[in-house]
C-alpha atoms as a PDB file:
ATOM      1  CA  MET A   1     -65.875  -2.220  54.501  1.00  0.00           C
ATOM      2  CA  PHE A   2     -66.612  -4.739  56.546  1.00  0.00           C
ATOM      3  CA  LYS A   3     -64.262  -3.391  59.264  1.00  0.00           C
ATOM      4  CA  THR A   4     -65.940  -0.179  59.093  1.00  0.00           C
ATOM      5  CA  ILE A   5     -69.117  -1.677  59.546  1.00  0.00           C
ATOM      6  CA  LEU A   6     -67.744  -3.808  62.954  1.00  0.00           C
ATOM      7  CA  LEU A   7     -66.015  -0.813  63.753  1.00  0.00           C
ATOM      8  CA  ILE A   8     -69.151   0.917  63.965  1.00  0.00           C
ATOM      9  CA  GLY A   9     -71.228  -1.121  65.374  1.00  0.00           C
ATOM     10  CA  SER A  10     -68.858  -1.641  68.200  1.00  0.00           C
ATOM     11  CA  GLY A  11     -69.436   2.191  69.048  1.00  0.00           C
ATOM     12  CA  GLY A  12     -72.972   1.756  68.922  1.00  0.00           C
ATOM     13  CA  PHE A  13     -73.370  -1.116  70.672  1.00  0.00           C
ATOM     14  CA  VAL A  14     -71.945   0.784  73.340  1.00  0.00           C
ATOM     15  CA  GLY A  15     -73.628   4.218  72.831  1.00  0.00           C
ATOM     16  CA  SER A  16     -76.942   2.338  72.606  1.00  0.00           C
ATOM     17  CA  VAL A  17     -76.532   0.610  76.184  1.00  0.00           C
ATOM     18  CA  ALA A  18     -74.887   4.263  78.065  1.00  0.00           C
ATOM     19  CA  ARG A  19     -78.032   6.050  76.221  1.00  0.00           C
ATOM     20  CA  TYR A  20     -80.609   3.664  77.504  1.00  0.00           C
ATOM     21  CA  TYR A  21     -79.020   3.082  81.399  1.00  0.00           C
ATOM     22  CA  ILE A  22     -78.127   6.884  81.612  1.00  0.00           C
ATOM     23  CA  SER A  23     -81.646   8.306  80.249  1.00  0.00           C
ATOM     24  CA  LYS A  24     -83.363   5.832  82.812  1.00  0.00           C
ATOM     25  CA  VAL A  25     -81.237   7.209  85.265  1.00  0.00           C
ATOM     26  CA  ILE A  26     -81.912  10.617  84.476  1.00  0.00           C
ATOM     27  CA  GLN A  27     -85.718  10.177  83.905  1.00  0.00           C
ATOM     28  CA  ASP A  28     -86.620   7.680  87.180  1.00  0.00           C
ATOM     29  CA  SER A  29     -85.015  10.699  88.836  1.00  0.00           C
ATOM     30  CA  SER A  30     -87.430  13.591  87.731  1.00  0.00           C
ATOM     31  CA  LEU A  31     -90.375  14.448  88.899  1.00  0.00           C
ATOM     32  CA  THR A  32     -92.354  14.860  85.763  1.00  0.00           C
ATOM     33  CA  SER A  33     -93.635  13.356  82.655  1.00  0.00           C
ATOM     34  CA  PHE A  34     -90.887  16.063  80.437  1.00  0.00           C
ATOM     35  CA  PRO A  35     -88.316  13.455  78.685  1.00  0.00           C
ATOM     36  CA  THR A  36     -85.564  15.279  80.837  1.00  0.00           C
ATOM     37  CA  GLY A  37     -83.547  11.692  79.709  1.00  0.00           C
ATOM     38  CA  THR A  38     -83.467  11.942  76.154  1.00  0.00           C
ATOM     39  CA  LEU A  39     -83.191  15.922  76.574  1.00  0.00           C
ATOM     40  CA  SER A  40     -79.868  15.133  78.575  1.00  0.00           C
ATOM     41  CA  ILE A  41     -78.735  12.323  76.187  1.00  0.00           C
ATOM     42  CA  ASN A  42     -78.971  14.102  73.483  1.00  0.00           C
ATOM     43  CA  VAL A  43     -77.309  17.381  74.960  1.00  0.00           C
ATOM     44  CA  ILE A  44     -74.348  15.268  76.242  1.00  0.00           C
ATOM     45  CA  GLY A  45     -74.054  13.153  72.692  1.00  0.00           C
ATOM     46  CA  SER A  46     -73.812  16.965  71.563  1.00  0.00           C
ATOM     47  CA  LEU A  47     -71.201  17.779  74.056  1.00  0.00           C
ATOM     48  CA  ILE A  48     -69.070  14.576  73.051  1.00  0.00           C
ATOM     49  CA  ILE A  49     -69.499  14.765  69.211  1.00  0.00           C
ATOM     50  CA  GLY A  50     -68.084  18.515  68.770  1.00  0.00           C
ATOM     51  CA  PHE A  51     -65.036  17.380  70.922  1.00  0.00           C
ATOM     52  CA  PHE A  52     -64.381  14.817  68.815  1.00  0.00           C
ATOM     53  CA  LEU A  53     -64.758  16.610  65.606  1.00  0.00           C
ATOM     54  CA  GLY A  54     -62.459  19.614  67.672  1.00  0.00           C
ATOM     55  CA  LEU A  55     -60.269  16.226  68.381  1.00  0.00           C
ATOM     56  CA  ALA A  56     -60.250  14.446  64.542  1.00  0.00           C
ATOM     57  CA  LEU A  57     -59.292  18.288  63.178  1.00  0.00           C
ATOM     58  CA  LYS A  58     -56.251  19.267  65.220  1.00  0.00           C
ATOM     59  CA  HIS A  59     -55.251  15.691  65.695  1.00  0.00           C
ATOM     60  CA  PRO A  60     -54.020  13.592  62.621  1.00  0.00           C
ATOM     61  CA  SER A  61     -53.425  10.838  65.323  1.00  0.00           C
ATOM     62  CA  PHE A  62     -57.337  10.695  65.668  1.00  0.00           C
ATOM     63  CA  THR A  63     -57.912   8.494  62.468  1.00  0.00           C
ATOM     64  CA  VAL A  64     -60.470   7.545  60.346  1.00  0.00           C
ATOM     65  CA  GLU A  65     -61.400   4.250  62.370  1.00  0.00           C
ATOM     66  CA  TRP A  66     -61.298   6.528  65.614  1.00  0.00           C
ATOM     67  CA  ARG A  67     -64.093   8.865  63.915  1.00  0.00           C
ATOM     68  CA  MET A  68     -65.769   5.458  62.712  1.00  0.00           C
ATOM     69  CA  ILE A  69     -65.764   4.100  66.570  1.00  0.00           C
ATOM     70  CA  LEU A  70     -66.562   7.285  68.354  1.00  0.00           C
ATOM     71  CA  MET A  71     -68.396   9.731  66.271  1.00  0.00           C
ATOM     72  CA  VAL A  72     -70.301   7.424  63.787  1.00  0.00           C
ATOM     73  CA  GLY A  73     -70.564   4.503  65.856  1.00  0.00           C
ATOM     74  CA  PHE A  74     -70.432   5.874  69.626  1.00  0.00           C
ATOM     75  CA  CYS A  75     -72.682   9.422  69.077  1.00  0.00           C
ATOM     76  CA  GLY A  76     -74.896   8.006  66.722  1.00  0.00           C
ATOM     77  CA  GLY A  77     -76.384   5.358  68.926  1.00  0.00           C
ATOM     78  CA  PHE A  78     -75.810   7.629  72.703  1.00  0.00           C
ATOM     79  CA  THR A  79     -78.534  10.218  70.946  1.00  0.00           C
ATOM     80  CA  THR A  80     -81.301   9.713  69.346  1.00  0.00           C
ATOM     81  CA  PHE A  81     -83.346  11.352  67.023  1.00  0.00           C
ATOM     82  CA  SER A  82     -86.465   9.235  67.139  1.00  0.00           C
ATOM     83  CA  THR A  83     -87.085   8.171  70.266  1.00  0.00           C
ATOM     84  CA  PHE A  84     -86.788  12.474  70.495  1.00  0.00           C
ATOM     85  CA  THR A  85     -89.753  12.457  67.679  1.00  0.00           C
ATOM     86  CA  SER A  86     -91.815  10.016  69.391  1.00  0.00           C
ATOM     87  CA  GLU A  87     -91.769  11.557  73.137  1.00  0.00           C
ATOM     88  CA  ASN A  88     -93.104  14.988  71.256  1.00  0.00           C
ATOM     89  CA  LEU A  89     -96.041  13.246  69.414  1.00  0.00           C
ATOM     90  CA  LYS A  90     -96.763  11.367  73.207  1.00  0.00           C
ATOM     91  CA  LEU A  91     -96.881  14.776  74.368  1.00  0.00           C
ATOM     92  CA  ILE A  92     -98.953  16.398  71.258  1.00  0.00           C
ATOM     93  CA  GLN A  93    -101.472  13.510  72.422  1.00  0.00           C
ATOM     94  CA  ASP A  94    -101.702  14.277  75.991  1.00  0.00           C
ATOM     95  CA  GLY A  95    -102.215  17.916  74.752  1.00  0.00           C
ATOM     96  CA  GLN A  96     -99.201  19.118  76.672  1.00  0.00           C
ATOM     97  CA  PHE A  97     -98.299  21.771  74.343  1.00  0.00           C
ATOM     98  CA  PHE A  98     -96.128  23.621  75.533  1.00  0.00           C
ATOM     99  CA  TYR A  99     -93.863  20.714  76.700  1.00  0.00           C
ATOM    100  CA  VAL A 100     -93.747  20.358  72.993  1.00  0.00           C
ATOM    101  CA  PHE A 101     -92.201  23.486  72.864  1.00  0.00           C
ATOM    102  CA  LEU A 102     -89.781  23.648  75.293  1.00  0.00           C
ATOM    103  CA  TYR A 103     -88.979  20.594  74.240  1.00  0.00           C
ATOM    104  CA  THR A 104     -88.152  21.144  70.884  1.00  0.00           C
ATOM    105  CA  GLY A 105     -86.962  24.637  71.683  1.00  0.00           C
ATOM    106  CA  LEU A 106     -84.100  23.169  74.451  1.00  0.00           C
ATOM    107  CA  SER A 107     -83.079  20.278  72.216  1.00  0.00           C
ATOM    108  CA  VAL A 108     -82.271  22.393  69.528  1.00  0.00           C
ATOM    109  CA  PHE A 109     -80.898  25.519  71.566  1.00  0.00           C
ATOM    110  CA  LEU A 110     -78.680  23.037  74.028  1.00  0.00           C
ATOM    111  CA  GLY A 111     -77.689  20.812  71.014  1.00  0.00           C
ATOM    112  CA  PHE A 112     -75.648  23.433  69.315  1.00  0.00           C
ATOM    113  CA  SER A 113     -74.594  25.236  72.463  1.00  0.00           C
ATOM    114  CA  ALA A 114     -73.010  21.623  73.035  1.00  0.00           C
ATOM    115  CA  VAL A 115     -71.658  20.977  70.270  1.00  0.00           C
ATOM    116  CA  TYR A 116     -70.079  23.612  69.926  1.00  0.00           C
ATOM    117  CA  GLY A 117     -68.950  23.882  74.248  1.00  0.00           C
ATOM    118  CA  GLY A 118     -67.385  20.376  72.935  1.00  0.00           C
ATOM    119  CA  TYR A 119     -65.459  21.794  69.978  1.00  0.00           C
ATOM    120  CA  LEU A 120     -64.277  25.049  72.333  1.00  0.00           C
ATOM    121  CA  ILE A 121     -63.181  22.213  74.922  1.00  0.00           C
ATOM    122  CA  SER A 122     -61.117  19.664  72.234  1.00  0.00           C
ATOM    123  CA  LYS A 123     -59.196  23.302  71.494  1.00  0.00           C
ATOM    124  CA  ILE A 124     -57.971  22.820  75.244  1.00  0.00           C
ATOM    125  CA  PHE A 125     -55.941  19.021  74.598  1.00  0.00           C
END
């Protein structure tokens, strides 16, 4: 059990740091208050976890330990639902209801599409 916690924690550390840096770079280059950084991170993370899921189903060498590090740890730390919801609350408070619906709709549609896309990409490997 302790080994699993360390594996997840190490993957989560790397994923969280990557999320912060990549999201900041994307958001800082954006010309709008629309949360493009978090949206991008969640879509990228969905693509990655779909890819890992496909690999895990196809290759027995993709061990439980690697699943814990990459899928639970890294992807769990990389994507974030709490940031998504808090950014939506801020948009509501600012009266930007169009952005609330756009952000929520894009997050769900692009997230599911990316998971499926990652899964399809994994079939090549």
